[in-house]
């Protein structure tokens, strides 16, 4: 098997894993929009994460498309691996599209440049909240115009990125036809969780404790069954002896 094809497959696998992590990070950030932790810093982090995801999508799409559309004999040896990566990439894209749509809706409902009520309340009230409100109003006077402009620009950019992701998904389905039902997994269900548990001492310890508990439970049931059988046999023997000597 040529080393170049294997290296390309491993590189694509690393890129897909990176996109998976970035997508998960973006999803976690989207869940904070409208909450007590929502701020300009959060929106900026969302922009950076979305930009990183867009860069990864462009790179992965080009490499997987060129690899799967190559009909050479060398490519057929690794085609199954590339198809699995293609399906994983498509799943990340669908999740990213859904989270971007949710981010767009939440950003429109909870703009930063207007008075709003956070979804998660901090519990502050009375004089303390009044002092915090005055401090926040002073901050907003300084950043109101820039915040409003950047927020409108970000909404337009987010809408554009959402359209591009949808077009990418449609383009993938047209250029390369990889039926998801035809993909065969090479690992058993939960293999990633087990590998993570082996790598981490805490999770591995929990698995070992669970295994020991199961073995102890099975042994206890066997001992209980054996003891019950011995009691029954002893009762039968005693009844026979009593009947014989009566």
C-alpha atoms as a PDB file:
ATOM      1  CA  UNK A   1       0.000   0.000   0.000  1.00  0.00           C
ATOM      2  CA  UNK A   2       1.594   3.288  -0.989  1.00  0.00           C
ATOM      3  CA  UNK A   3       2.727   5.448   1.881  1.00  0.00           C
ATOM      4  CA  UNK A   4       1.307   8.563   0.230  1.00  0.00           C
ATOM      5  CA  UNK A   5      -2.257   7.231   0.234  1.00  0.00           C
ATOM      6  CA  UNK A   6      -1.974   6.097   3.851  1.00  0.00           C
ATOM      7  CA  UNK A   7      -0.523   9.451   4.896  1.00  0.00           C
ATOM      8  CA  UNK A   8      -3.342  11.287   3.106  1.00  0.00           C
ATOM      9  CA  UNK A   9      -5.926   9.111   4.870  1.00  0.00           C
ATOM     10  CA  UNK A  10      -4.371   9.726   8.285  1.00  0.00           C
ATOM     11  CA  UNK A  11      -4.193  13.454   7.600  1.00  0.00           C
ATOM     12  CA  UNK A  12      -7.867  13.540   6.624  1.00  0.00           C
ATOM     13  CA  UNK A  13      -8.733  11.580   9.749  1.00  0.00           C
ATOM     14  CA  UNK A  14      -6.897  14.111  11.911  1.00  0.00           C
ATOM     15  CA  UNK A  15      -8.698  16.982  10.163  1.00  0.00           C
ATOM     16  CA  UNK A  16     -12.112  15.361  10.667  1.00  0.00           C
ATOM     17  CA  UNK A  17     -11.353  14.808  14.344  1.00  0.00           C
ATOM     18  CA  UNK A  18     -10.329  18.461  14.654  1.00  0.00           C
ATOM     19  CA  UNK A  19     -13.584  19.548  12.991  1.00  0.00           C
ATOM     20  CA  UNK A  20     -15.531  17.333  15.364  1.00  0.00           C
ATOM     21  CA  UNK A  21     -13.914  19.038  18.360  1.00  0.00           C
ATOM     22  CA  UNK A  22     -14.445  22.523  16.928  1.00  0.00           C
ATOM     23  CA  UNK A  23     -18.101  21.703  16.220  1.00  0.00           C
ATOM     24  CA  UNK A  24     -18.581  20.506  19.793  1.00  0.00           C
ATOM     25  CA  UNK A  25     -16.935  23.687  21.092  1.00  0.00           C
ATOM     26  CA  UNK A  26     -19.184  25.840  18.907  1.00  0.00           C
ATOM     27  CA  UNK A  27     -22.254  23.996  20.160  1.00  0.00           C
ATOM     28  CA  UNK A  28     -21.222  24.610  23.765  1.00  0.00           C
ATOM     29  CA  UNK A  29     -20.750  28.321  23.098  1.00  0.00           C
ATOM     30  CA  UNK A  30     -24.120  28.605  21.348  1.00  0.00           C
ATOM     31  CA  UNK A  31     -25.835  27.267  24.464  1.00  0.00           C
ATOM     32  CA  UNK A  32     -24.581  30.338  26.376  1.00  0.00           C
ATOM     33  CA  UNK A  33     -26.204  32.920  24.070  1.00  0.00           C
ATOM     34  CA  UNK A  34     -28.856  34.797  26.018  1.00  0.00           C
ATOM     35  CA  UNK A  35     -27.612  33.547  29.369  1.00  0.00           C
ATOM     36  CA  UNK A  36     -25.875  35.346  32.199  1.00  0.00           C
ATOM     37  CA  UNK A  37     -22.474  34.613  30.628  1.00  0.00           C
ATOM     38  CA  UNK A  38     -23.425  36.194  27.295  1.00  0.00           C
ATOM     39  CA  UNK A  39     -21.101  39.072  26.417  1.00  0.00           C
ATOM     40  CA  UNK A  40     -18.987  40.597  23.676  1.00  0.00           C
ATOM     41  CA  UNK A  41     -16.243  38.126  24.540  1.00  0.00           C
ATOM     42  CA  UNK A  42     -18.610  35.206  24.000  1.00  0.00           C
ATOM     43  CA  UNK A  43     -19.749  36.544  20.633  1.00  0.00           C
ATOM     44  CA  UNK A  44     -16.115  37.069  19.604  1.00  0.00           C
ATOM     45  CA  UNK A  45     -15.270  33.517  20.648  1.00  0.00           C
ATOM     46  CA  UNK A  46     -18.209  32.301  18.563  1.00  0.00           C
ATOM     47  CA  UNK A  47     -16.844  34.196  15.546  1.00  0.00           C
ATOM     48  CA  UNK A  48     -13.366  32.722  15.967  1.00  0.00           C
ATOM     49  CA  UNK A  49     -14.704  29.201  16.415  1.00  0.00           C
ATOM     50  CA  UNK A  50     -16.976  29.548  13.400  1.00  0.00           C
ATOM     51  CA  UNK A  51     -14.101  30.867  11.306  1.00  0.00           C
ATOM     52  CA  UNK A  52     -11.915  27.920  12.338  1.00  0.00           C
ATOM     53  CA  UNK A  53     -14.712  25.491  11.468  1.00  0.00           C
ATOM     54  CA  UNK A  54     -15.152  27.120   8.067  1.00  0.00           C
ATOM     55  CA  UNK A  55     -11.433  26.752   7.331  1.00  0.00           C
ATOM     56  CA  UNK A  56     -11.477  23.079   8.296  1.00  0.00           C
ATOM     57  CA  UNK A  57     -14.587  22.443   6.201  1.00  0.00           C
ATOM     58  CA  UNK A  58     -12.930  23.893   3.101  1.00  0.00           C
ATOM     59  CA  UNK A  59      -9.759  21.857   3.582  1.00  0.00           C
ATOM     60  CA  UNK A  60     -11.511  18.562   4.329  1.00  0.00           C
ATOM     61  CA  UNK A  61     -14.012  18.951   1.503  1.00  0.00           C
ATOM     62  CA  UNK A  62     -11.288  19.441  -1.090  1.00  0.00           C
ATOM     63  CA  UNK A  63      -9.149  16.530   0.057  1.00  0.00           C
ATOM     64  CA  UNK A  64     -11.934  14.007   0.543  1.00  0.00           C
ATOM     65  CA  UNK A  65     -13.612  14.957  -2.730  1.00  0.00           C
ATOM     66  CA  UNK A  66     -10.416  14.560  -4.743  1.00  0.00           C
ATOM     67  CA  UNK A  67      -9.628  11.274  -2.986  1.00  0.00           C
ATOM     68  CA  UNK A  68     -13.047   9.680  -3.495  1.00  0.00           C
ATOM     69  CA  UNK A  69     -13.395  10.830  -7.095  1.00  0.00           C
ATOM     70  CA  UNK A  70     -10.060   9.250  -8.002  1.00  0.00           C
ATOM     71  CA  UNK A  71     -10.811   5.943  -9.703  1.00  0.00           C
ATOM     72  CA  UNK A  72      -7.284   4.531  -9.595  1.00  0.00           C
ATOM     73  CA  UNK A  73      -6.515   1.035  -8.372  1.00  0.00           C
ATOM     74  CA  UNK A  74      -4.444   2.370  -5.511  1.00  0.00           C
ATOM     75  CA  UNK A  75      -7.375   4.437  -4.287  1.00  0.00           C
ATOM     76  CA  UNK A  76      -9.703   1.432  -4.141  1.00  0.00           C
ATOM     77  CA  UNK A  77      -7.575  -0.134  -1.418  1.00  0.00           C
ATOM     78  CA  UNK A  78      -8.321   2.728   0.946  1.00  0.00           C
ATOM     79  CA  UNK A  79     -11.708   3.763  -0.393  1.00  0.00           C
ATOM     80  CA  UNK A  80     -13.598   2.254   2.543  1.00  0.00           C
ATOM     81  CA  UNK A  81     -11.566   4.351   4.998  1.00  0.00           C
ATOM     82  CA  UNK A  82     -12.164   7.522   3.010  1.00  0.00           C
ATOM     83  CA  UNK A  83     -15.886   6.759   2.813  1.00  0.00           C
ATOM     84  CA  UNK A  84     -16.062   6.414   6.597  1.00  0.00           C
ATOM     85  CA  UNK A  85     -14.309   9.766   6.929  1.00  0.00           C
ATOM     86  CA  UNK A  86     -16.740  11.219   4.396  1.00  0.00           C
ATOM     87  CA  UNK A  87     -19.741  10.119   6.470  1.00  0.00           C
ATOM     88  CA  UNK A  88     -18.165  11.487   9.662  1.00  0.00           C
ATOM     89  CA  UNK A  89     -17.458  14.769   7.864  1.00  0.00           C
ATOM     90  CA  UNK A  90     -21.053  14.967   6.627  1.00  0.00           C
ATOM     91  CA  UNK A  91     -22.349  14.371  10.162  1.00  0.00           C
ATOM     92  CA  UNK A  92     -20.168  17.196  11.500  1.00  0.00           C
ATOM     93  CA  UNK A  93     -21.456  19.492   8.760  1.00  0.00           C
ATOM     94  CA  UNK A  94     -25.084  18.741   9.571  1.00  0.00           C
ATOM     95  CA  UNK A  95     -24.485  19.371  13.262  1.00  0.00           C
ATOM     96  CA  UNK A  96     -22.606  22.578  12.487  1.00  0.00           C
ATOM     97  CA  UNK A  97     -25.428  23.788  10.248  1.00  0.00           C
ATOM     98  CA  UNK A  98     -28.022  23.142  12.956  1.00  0.00           C
ATOM     99  CA  UNK A  99     -25.950  24.939  15.597  1.00  0.00           C
ATOM    100  CA  UNK A 100     -25.291  27.901  13.302  1.00  0.00           C
ATOM    101  CA  UNK A 101     -29.013  28.224  12.627  1.00  0.00           C
ATOM    102  CA  UNK A 102     -29.678  28.120  16.365  1.00  0.00           C
ATOM    103  CA  UNK A 103     -26.964  30.724  16.975  1.00  0.00           C
ATOM    104  CA  UNK A 104     -28.511  33.018  14.367  1.00  0.00           C
ATOM    105  CA  UNK A 105     -31.962  32.751  15.941  1.00  0.00           C
ATOM    106  CA  UNK A 106     -30.675  33.322  19.475  1.00  0.00           C
ATOM    107  CA  UNK A 107     -28.492  36.252  18.432  1.00  0.00           C
ATOM    108  CA  UNK A 108     -31.530  37.925  16.896  1.00  0.00           C
ATOM    109  CA  UNK A 109     -33.638  37.313  19.988  1.00  0.00           C
ATOM    110  CA  UNK A 110     -30.934  38.434  22.433  1.00  0.00           C
ATOM    111  CA  UNK A 111     -28.991  41.346  20.907  1.00  0.00           C
ATOM    112  CA  UNK A 112     -26.248  42.757  23.092  1.00  0.00           C
ATOM    113  CA  UNK A 113     -26.987  46.401  22.269  1.00  0.00           C
ATOM    114  CA  UNK A 114     -30.512  46.366  23.757  1.00  0.00           C
ATOM    115  CA  UNK A 115     -31.833  45.896  27.314  1.00  0.00           C
ATOM    116  CA  UNK A 116     -32.585  42.240  27.850  1.00  0.00           C
ATOM    117  CA  UNK A 117     -33.340  39.678  30.511  1.00  0.00           C
ATOM    118  CA  UNK A 118     -30.886  36.814  30.726  1.00  0.00           C
ATOM    119  CA  UNK A 119     -32.187  33.286  30.427  1.00  0.00           C
ATOM    120  CA  UNK A 120     -30.199  32.329  33.525  1.00  0.00           C
ATOM    121  CA  UNK A 121     -30.648  34.761  36.417  1.00  0.00           C
ATOM    122  CA  UNK A 122     -27.729  35.495  38.721  1.00  0.00           C
ATOM    123  CA  UNK A 123     -29.903  36.134  41.787  1.00  0.00           C
ATOM    124  CA  UNK A 124     -28.630  39.694  42.341  1.00  0.00           C
ATOM    125  CA  UNK A 125     -31.263  42.250  43.416  1.00  0.00           C
ATOM    126  CA  UNK A 126     -31.701  45.497  45.319  1.00  0.00           C
ATOM    127  CA  UNK A 127     -28.959  48.075  45.661  1.00  0.00           C
ATOM    128  CA  UNK A 128     -26.283  45.777  44.289  1.00  0.00           C
ATOM    129  CA  UNK A 129     -28.138  45.286  41.032  1.00  0.00           C
ATOM    130  CA  UNK A 130     -28.650  49.050  40.727  1.00  0.00           C
ATOM    131  CA  UNK A 131     -24.929  49.636  41.131  1.00  0.00           C
ATOM    132  CA  UNK A 132     -24.167  46.965  38.558  1.00  0.00           C
ATOM    133  CA  UNK A 133     -26.703  48.498  36.169  1.00  0.00           C
ATOM    134  CA  UNK A 134     -25.025  51.913  36.442  1.00  0.00           C
ATOM    135  CA  UNK A 135     -21.635  50.360  35.808  1.00  0.00           C
ATOM    136  CA  UNK A 136     -22.932  48.469  32.798  1.00  0.00           C
ATOM    137  CA  UNK A 137     -24.603  51.573  31.402  1.00  0.00           C
ATOM    138  CA  UNK A 138     -21.294  53.433  31.594  1.00  0.00           C
ATOM    139  CA  UNK A 139     -19.616  50.615  29.696  1.00  0.00           C
ATOM    140  CA  UNK A 140     -22.348  50.504  27.071  1.00  0.00           C
ATOM    141  CA  UNK A 141     -22.063  54.244  26.389  1.00  0.00           C
ATOM    142  CA  UNK A 142     -18.504  53.720  25.359  1.00  0.00           C
ATOM    143  CA  UNK A 143     -19.081  50.639  23.230  1.00  0.00           C
ATOM    144  CA  UNK A 144     -22.678  51.038  22.031  1.00  0.00           C
ATOM    145  CA  UNK A 145     -21.979  52.129  18.455  1.00  0.00           C
ATOM    146  CA  UNK A 146     -19.144  49.669  17.882  1.00  0.00           C
ATOM    147  CA  UNK A 147     -21.142  46.836  19.452  1.00  0.00           C
ATOM    148  CA  UNK A 148     -24.215  47.535  17.340  1.00  0.00           C
ATOM    149  CA  UNK A 149     -22.190  47.731  14.143  1.00  0.00           C
ATOM    150  CA  UNK A 150     -20.161  44.595  14.872  1.00  0.00           C
ATOM    151  CA  UNK A 151     -23.284  42.690  15.901  1.00  0.00           C
ATOM    152  CA  UNK A 152     -25.099  43.505  12.668  1.00  0.00           C
ATOM    153  CA  UNK A 153     -21.994  42.592  10.678  1.00  0.00           C
ATOM    154  CA  UNK A 154     -21.653  39.341  12.590  1.00  0.00           C
ATOM    155  CA  UNK A 155     -25.285  38.412  11.945  1.00  0.00           C
ATOM    156  CA  UNK A 156     -24.800  38.962   8.218  1.00  0.00           C
ATOM    157  CA  UNK A 157     -21.582  36.930   8.270  1.00  0.00           C
ATOM    158  CA  UNK A 158     -23.269  34.154  10.235  1.00  0.00           C
ATOM    159  CA  UNK A 159     -26.151  34.061   7.774  1.00  0.00           C
ATOM    160  CA  UNK A 160     -23.674  33.885   4.891  1.00  0.00           C
ATOM    161  CA  UNK A 161     -21.726  31.069   6.555  1.00  0.00           C
ATOM    162  CA  UNK A 162     -24.962  29.184   7.181  1.00  0.00           C
ATOM    163  CA  UNK A 163     -25.846  29.386   3.491  1.00  0.00           C
ATOM    164  CA  UNK A 164     -22.343  28.229   2.535  1.00  0.00           C
ATOM    165  CA  UNK A 165     -22.557  25.212   4.837  1.00  0.00           C
ATOM    166  CA  UNK A 166     -25.898  24.231   3.313  1.00  0.00           C
ATOM    167  CA  UNK A 167     -24.438  24.592  -0.178  1.00  0.00           C
ATOM    168  CA  UNK A 168     -21.448  22.491   0.859  1.00  0.00           C
ATOM    169  CA  UNK A 169     -23.720  19.680   2.051  1.00  0.00           C
ATOM    170  CA  UNK A 170     -25.660  19.746  -1.230  1.00  0.00           C
ATOM    171  CA  UNK A 171     -22.436  19.867  -3.238  1.00  0.00           C
ATOM    172  CA  UNK A 172     -21.047  16.863  -1.372  1.00  0.00           C
ATOM    173  CA  UNK A 173     -24.120  14.792  -2.139  1.00  0.00           C
ATOM    174  CA  UNK A 174     -23.908  15.703  -5.833  1.00  0.00           C
ATOM    175  CA  UNK A 175     -20.174  15.193  -6.332  1.00  0.00           C
ATOM    176  CA  UNK A 176     -19.660  12.004  -4.341  1.00  0.00           C
ATOM    177  CA  UNK A 177     -22.411   9.480  -3.713  1.00  0.00           C
ATOM    178  CA  UNK A 178     -21.609   7.609  -0.498  1.00  0.00           C
ATOM    179  CA  UNK A 179     -24.723   5.855   0.894  1.00  0.00           C
ATOM    180  CA  UNK A 180     -24.495   5.941   4.658  1.00  0.00           C
ATOM    181  CA  UNK A 181     -26.211   2.590   5.031  1.00  0.00           C
ATOM    182  CA  UNK A 182     -23.371   0.965   3.077  1.00  0.00           C
ATOM    183  CA  UNK A 183     -20.664   2.086   5.513  1.00  0.00           C
ATOM    184  CA  UNK A 184     -19.409  -0.699   7.777  1.00  0.00           C
ATOM    185  CA  UNK A 185     -17.903   0.257  11.119  1.00  0.00           C
ATOM    186  CA  UNK A 186     -14.475  -1.166  11.901  1.00  0.00           C
ATOM    187  CA  UNK A 187     -14.894  -0.874  15.690  1.00  0.00           C
ATOM    188  CA  UNK A 188     -17.485  -2.165  18.116  1.00  0.00           C
ATOM    189  CA  UNK A 189     -20.025   0.272  19.605  1.00  0.00           C
ATOM    190  CA  UNK A 190     -18.489   2.177  22.500  1.00  0.00           C
ATOM    191  CA  UNK A 191     -14.911   1.477  21.443  1.00  0.00           C
ATOM    192  CA  UNK A 192     -13.999   5.157  21.739  1.00  0.00           C
ATOM    193  CA  UNK A 193     -15.365   5.305  25.274  1.00  0.00           C
ATOM    194  CA  UNK A 194     -13.392   2.223  26.249  1.00  0.00           C
ATOM    195  CA  UNK A 195     -10.201   3.581  24.703  1.00  0.00           C
ATOM    196  CA  UNK A 196     -10.698   6.867  26.548  1.00  0.00           C
ATOM    197  CA  UNK A 197     -11.282   4.991  29.755  1.00  0.00           C
ATOM    198  CA  UNK A 198      -8.071   3.031  29.286  1.00  0.00           C
ATOM    199  CA  UNK A 199      -6.174   6.267  28.725  1.00  0.00           C
ATOM    200  CA  UNK A 200      -7.608   7.910  31.855  1.00  0.00           C
ATOM    201  CA  UNK A 201      -6.968   6.416  35.266  1.00  0.00           C
ATOM    202  CA  UNK A 202     -10.257   7.530  36.792  1.00  0.00           C
ATOM    203  CA  UNK A 203     -12.462   6.024  34.097  1.00  0.00           C
ATOM    204  CA  UNK A 204     -10.401   2.845  34.000  1.00  0.00           C
ATOM    205  CA  UNK A 205     -10.721   2.533  37.768  1.00  0.00           C
ATOM    206  CA  UNK A 206     -14.480   2.930  37.522  1.00  0.00           C
ATOM    207  CA  UNK A 207     -14.650   0.196  34.888  1.00  0.00           C
ATOM    208  CA  UNK A 208     -12.555  -2.117  37.065  1.00  0.00           C
ATOM    209  CA  UNK A 209     -14.791  -1.434  40.066  1.00  0.00           C
ATOM    210  CA  UNK A 210     -17.890  -2.200  38.009  1.00  0.00           C
ATOM    211  CA  UNK A 211     -16.354  -5.431  36.737  1.00  0.00           C
ATOM    212  CA  UNK A 212     -15.456  -6.511  40.278  1.00  0.00           C
ATOM    213  CA  UNK A 213     -18.962  -5.688  41.472  1.00  0.00           C
ATOM    214  CA  UNK A 214     -20.491  -7.812  38.731  1.00  0.00           C
ATOM    215  CA  UNK A 215     -18.217 -10.748  39.562  1.00  0.00           C
ATOM    216  CA  UNK A 216     -18.991 -10.413  43.277  1.00  0.00           C
ATOM    217  CA  UNK A 217     -22.716 -10.315  42.554  1.00  0.00           C
ATOM    218  CA  UNK A 218     -22.560 -13.457  40.427  1.00  0.00           C
ATOM    219  CA  UNK A 219     -20.525 -15.262  43.108  1.00  0.00           C
ATOM    220  CA  UNK A 220     -22.987 -14.232  45.822  1.00  0.00           C
ATOM    221  CA  UNK A 221     -25.916 -15.577  43.822  1.00  0.00           C
ATOM    222  CA  UNK A 222     -24.135 -18.893  43.293  1.00  0.00           C
ATOM    223  CA  UNK A 223     -23.310 -19.222  46.996  1.00  0.00           C
ATOM    224  CA  UNK A 224     -26.891 -18.401  47.938  1.00  0.00           C
ATOM    225  CA  UNK A 225     -28.216 -21.034  45.530  1.00  0.00           C
ATOM    226  CA  UNK A 226     -25.761 -23.620  46.892  1.00  0.00           C
ATOM    227  CA  UNK A 227     -26.695 -22.839  50.499  1.00  0.00           C
ATOM    228  CA  UNK A 228     -30.403 -23.076  49.698  1.00  0.00           C
ATOM    229  CA  UNK A 229     -29.862 -26.463  48.037  1.00  0.00           C
ATOM    230  CA  UNK A 230     -27.915 -27.769  51.054  1.00  0.00           C
ATOM    231  CA  UNK A 231     -30.685 -26.648  53.414  1.00  0.00           C
ATOM    232  CA  UNK A 232     -33.296 -28.466  51.335  1.00  0.00           C
ATOM    233  CA  UNK A 233     -31.189 -31.650  51.261  1.00  0.00           C
ATOM    234  CA  UNK A 234     -30.642 -31.465  55.016  1.00  0.00           C
ATOM    235  CA  UNK A 235     -34.369 -31.029  55.590  1.00  0.00           C
ATOM    236  CA  UNK A 236     -35.111 -34.061  53.401  1.00  0.00           C
ATOM    237  CA  UNK A 237     -32.560 -36.191  55.251  1.00  0.00           C
ATOM    238  CA  UNK A 238     -33.933 -35.170  58.635  1.00  0.00           C
ATOM    239  CA  UNK A 239     -37.496 -35.900  57.572  1.00  0.00           C
ATOM    240  CA  UNK A 240     -36.467 -39.356  56.326  1.00  0.00           C
ATOM    241  CA  UNK A 241     -34.643 -40.110  59.570  1.00  0.00           C
ATOM    242  CA  UNK A 242     -37.595 -39.007  61.696  1.00  0.00           C
ATOM    243  CA  UNK A 243     -39.973 -41.120  59.630  1.00  0.00           C
ATOM    244  CA  UNK A 244     -37.658 -44.145  59.872  1.00  0.00           C
ATOM    245  CA  UNK A 245     -37.150 -44.079  63.632  1.00  0.00           C
ATOM    246  CA  UNK A 246     -40.734 -43.116  64.494  1.00  0.00           C
END
